[in-house]
Amino acid sequence: MVPNIQIQTNSFVANVQDIKKIIKLHLKASDITLKSIDSLEIYILPEDGSLYYVATTTDHRIFKNEQPLFV
């Protein structure tokens, strides 16, 4: 079973699976393989629906988005 988790505040509603998909697509588009990621931190600003992340690879490189992603 995969739970359906949603984040809801005022007018902002986002599904956790959708957030993960957006970030994974952005990482792949940046030529970062998902297998190389050791840790992934996701930050959500519900005021405007923007997403930021910090990904650390197994060889200790750090990748993050400078421009926000949106749900």
N, C-alpha and C. Protein backbone atom coordinates (compact mmCIF):
# COMPACT_ATOMS: atom_id res chain seq x y z
N MET A 1 0.83 -1.18 0.00
CA MET A 1 0.00 0.00 0.00
C MET A 1 0.88 1.24 0.00
N VAL A 2 0.52 2.21 -0.83
CA VAL A 2 1.21 3.50 -0.87
C VAL A 2 0.22 4.56 -0.40
N PRO A 3 0.51 5.21 0.72
CA PRO A 3 -0.43 6.21 1.21
C PRO A 3 -0.45 7.45 0.32
N ASN A 4 -1.59 8.10 0.27
CA ASN A 4 -1.75 9.35 -0.46
C ASN A 4 -1.63 10.48 0.57
N ILE A 5 -0.51 11.20 0.56
CA ILE A 5 -0.27 12.26 1.53
C ILE A 5 -0.40 13.60 0.82
N GLN A 6 -1.20 14.48 1.40
CA GLN A 6 -1.39 15.81 0.84
C GLN A 6 -1.00 16.86 1.87
N ILE A 7 -0.49 17.98 1.37
CA ILE A 7 -0.17 19.13 2.20
C ILE A 7 -1.20 20.20 1.86
N GLN A 8 -1.89 20.69 2.87
CA GLN A 8 -2.94 21.68 2.63
C GLN A 8 -2.78 22.83 3.61
N THR A 9 -2.70 24.04 3.06
CA THR A 9 -2.72 25.26 3.87
C THR A 9 -3.43 26.32 3.06
N ASN A 10 -4.40 26.95 3.66
CA ASN A 10 -5.19 27.99 2.99
C ASN A 10 -5.57 27.55 1.58
N SER A 11 -5.05 28.20 0.56
CA SER A 11 -5.41 27.83 -0.82
C SER A 11 -4.41 26.88 -1.46
N PHE A 12 -3.35 26.50 -0.75
CA PHE A 12 -2.32 25.61 -1.29
C PHE A 12 -2.67 24.17 -0.98
N VAL A 13 -2.70 23.34 -2.03
CA VAL A 13 -2.91 21.91 -1.88
C VAL A 13 -1.92 21.20 -2.78
N ALA A 14 -1.13 20.29 -2.21
CA ALA A 14 -0.15 19.56 -3.01
C ALA A 14 -0.08 18.11 -2.54
N ASN A 15 0.06 17.23 -3.49
CA ASN A 15 0.22 15.81 -3.22
C ASN A 15 1.71 15.52 -3.12
N VAL A 16 2.12 14.79 -2.09
CA VAL A 16 3.54 14.49 -1.88
C VAL A 16 4.14 13.75 -3.07
N GLN A 17 3.38 12.85 -3.67
CA GLN A 17 3.89 12.10 -4.84
C GLN A 17 4.19 13.05 -6.01
N ASP A 18 3.34 14.06 -6.19
CA ASP A 18 3.57 15.03 -7.26
C ASP A 18 4.83 15.85 -6.99
N ILE A 19 5.04 16.22 -5.74
CA ILE A 19 6.24 16.98 -5.37
C ILE A 19 7.49 16.15 -5.65
N LYS A 20 7.48 14.89 -5.26
CA LYS A 20 8.63 14.02 -5.51
C LYS A 20 8.87 13.87 -7.01
N LYS A 21 7.82 13.73 -7.79
CA LYS A 21 7.96 13.56 -9.23
C LYS A 21 8.59 14.80 -9.87
N ILE A 22 8.14 15.98 -9.47
CA ILE A 22 8.68 17.24 -10.02
C ILE A 22 10.18 17.34 -9.73
N ILE A 23 10.57 17.03 -8.51
CA ILE A 23 11.98 17.14 -8.14
C ILE A 23 12.82 16.07 -8.84
N LYS A 24 12.32 14.86 -8.93
CA LYS A 24 13.06 13.81 -9.63
C LYS A 24 13.26 14.16 -11.11
N LEU A 25 12.24 14.71 -11.74
CA LEU A 25 12.37 15.12 -13.14
C LEU A 25 13.41 16.24 -13.29
N HIS A 26 13.42 17.16 -12.34
CA HIS A 26 14.39 18.25 -12.40
C HIS A 26 15.81 17.73 -12.21
N LEU A 27 15.99 16.78 -11.31
CA LEU A 27 17.31 16.18 -11.10
C LEU A 27 17.77 15.44 -12.35
N LYS A 28 16.89 14.64 -12.94
CA LYS A 28 17.23 13.91 -14.16
C LYS A 28 17.58 14.86 -15.30
N ALA A 29 16.85 15.96 -15.42
CA ALA A 29 17.12 16.95 -16.47
C ALA A 29 18.47 17.64 -16.24
N SER A 30 18.93 17.63 -15.00
CA SER A 30 20.24 18.21 -14.67
C SER A 30 21.34 17.16 -14.73
N ASP A 31 21.05 16.00 -15.33
CA ASP A 31 22.00 14.89 -15.49
C ASP A 31 22.51 14.33 -14.16
N ILE A 32 21.64 14.32 -13.17
CA ILE A 32 21.97 13.72 -11.88
C ILE A 32 21.19 12.43 -11.77
N THR A 33 21.89 11.32 -11.67
CA THR A 33 21.21 10.04 -11.58
C THR A 33 20.65 9.85 -10.18
N LEU A 34 19.47 9.29 -10.09
CA LEU A 34 18.84 9.09 -8.80
C LEU A 34 19.61 8.11 -7.92
N LYS A 35 20.30 7.17 -8.57
CA LYS A 35 21.10 6.20 -7.81
C LYS A 35 22.29 6.86 -7.12
N SER A 36 22.74 8.01 -7.65
CA SER A 36 23.90 8.67 -7.05
C SER A 36 23.54 9.56 -5.86
N ILE A 37 22.26 9.73 -5.58
CA ILE A 37 21.84 10.62 -4.50
C ILE A 37 21.87 9.88 -3.16
N ASP A 38 22.59 10.47 -2.21
CA ASP A 38 22.68 9.91 -0.87
C ASP A 38 21.60 10.49 0.03
N SER A 39 21.36 11.80 -0.08
CA SER A 39 20.30 12.43 0.71
C SER A 39 19.61 13.50 -0.12
N LEU A 40 18.34 13.71 0.20
CA LEU A 40 17.54 14.69 -0.53
C LEU A 40 16.65 15.41 0.47
N GLU A 41 16.83 16.72 0.57
CA GLU A 41 16.02 17.54 1.46
C GLU A 41 15.11 18.39 0.59
N ILE A 42 13.82 18.43 0.92
CA ILE A 42 12.83 19.17 0.14
C ILE A 42 12.21 20.24 1.03
N TYR A 43 12.14 21.44 0.48
CA TYR A 43 11.57 22.57 1.20
C TYR A 43 10.38 23.11 0.40
N ILE A 44 9.26 23.29 1.06
CA ILE A 44 8.03 23.74 0.40
C ILE A 44 7.61 25.06 1.04
N LEU A 45 7.36 26.05 0.20
CA LEU A 45 6.82 27.32 0.68
C LEU A 45 5.35 27.37 0.25
N PRO A 46 4.44 27.06 1.17
CA PRO A 46 3.03 26.97 0.79
C PRO A 46 2.40 28.30 0.41
N GLU A 47 3.04 29.42 0.76
CA GLU A 47 2.48 30.73 0.41
C GLU A 47 2.30 30.87 -1.09
N ASP A 48 3.28 30.35 -1.85
CA ASP A 48 3.20 30.47 -3.31
C ASP A 48 3.38 29.14 -4.04
N GLY A 49 3.49 28.03 -3.29
CA GLY A 49 3.62 26.71 -3.91
C GLY A 49 4.99 26.42 -4.47
N SER A 50 6.01 27.16 -4.02
CA SER A 50 7.36 26.94 -4.56
C SER A 50 8.08 25.82 -3.82
N LEU A 51 8.92 25.12 -4.57
CA LEU A 51 9.68 23.98 -4.04
C LEU A 51 11.17 24.24 -4.23
N TYR A 52 11.93 23.89 -3.22
CA TYR A 52 13.39 23.93 -3.31
C TYR A 52 13.91 22.60 -2.80
N TYR A 53 15.09 22.21 -3.25
CA TYR A 53 15.68 20.98 -2.75
C TYR A 53 17.20 21.12 -2.66
N VAL A 54 17.77 20.27 -1.83
CA VAL A 54 19.22 20.13 -1.73
C VAL A 54 19.49 18.63 -1.80
N ALA A 55 20.23 18.23 -2.83
CA ALA A 55 20.57 16.82 -3.02
C ALA A 55 22.07 16.65 -2.81
N THR A 56 22.43 15.68 -2.00
CA THR A 56 23.83 15.35 -1.78
C THR A 56 24.08 13.97 -2.38
N THR A 57 25.11 13.89 -3.21
CA THR A 57 25.43 12.62 -3.87
C THR A 57 26.34 11.78 -2.99
N THR A 58 26.50 10.54 -3.39
CA THR A 58 27.35 9.63 -2.61
C THR A 58 28.81 10.07 -2.60
N ASP A 59 29.22 10.88 -3.60
CA ASP A 59 30.59 11.41 -3.60
C ASP A 59 30.63 12.83 -3.02
N HIS A 60 29.60 13.19 -2.26
CA HIS A 60 29.52 14.43 -1.47
C HIS A 60 29.38 15.71 -2.28
N ARG A 61 28.94 15.61 -3.52
CA ARG A 61 28.62 16.82 -4.29
C ARG A 61 27.22 17.27 -3.89
N ILE A 62 27.00 18.57 -3.92
CA ILE A 62 25.72 19.13 -3.51
C ILE A 62 25.09 19.83 -4.70
N PHE A 63 23.83 19.50 -4.94
CA PHE A 63 23.05 20.12 -6.01
C PHE A 63 21.79 20.73 -5.39
N LYS A 64 21.42 21.90 -5.87
CA LYS A 64 20.18 22.52 -5.41
C LYS A 64 19.63 23.40 -6.51
N ASN A 65 18.34 23.65 -6.45
CA ASN A 65 17.75 24.52 -7.46
C ASN A 65 17.82 25.96 -6.97
N GLU A 66 18.32 26.83 -7.84
CA GLU A 66 18.40 28.25 -7.52
C GLU A 66 17.06 28.94 -7.76
N GLN A 67 16.37 28.51 -8.81
CA GLN A 67 15.04 29.04 -9.14
C GLN A 67 14.00 28.07 -8.58
N PRO A 68 12.91 28.58 -8.05
CA PRO A 68 11.92 27.68 -7.46
C PRO A 68 11.23 26.82 -8.52
N LEU A 69 10.85 25.65 -8.09
CA LEU A 69 9.98 24.78 -8.87
C LEU A 69 8.58 24.96 -8.29
N PHE A 70 7.56 24.68 -9.09
CA PHE A 70 6.21 24.89 -8.61
C PHE A 70 5.35 23.65 -8.78
N VAL A 71 4.46 23.43 -7.83
CA VAL A 71 3.53 22.30 -7.86
C VAL A 71 2.40 22.67 -8.80
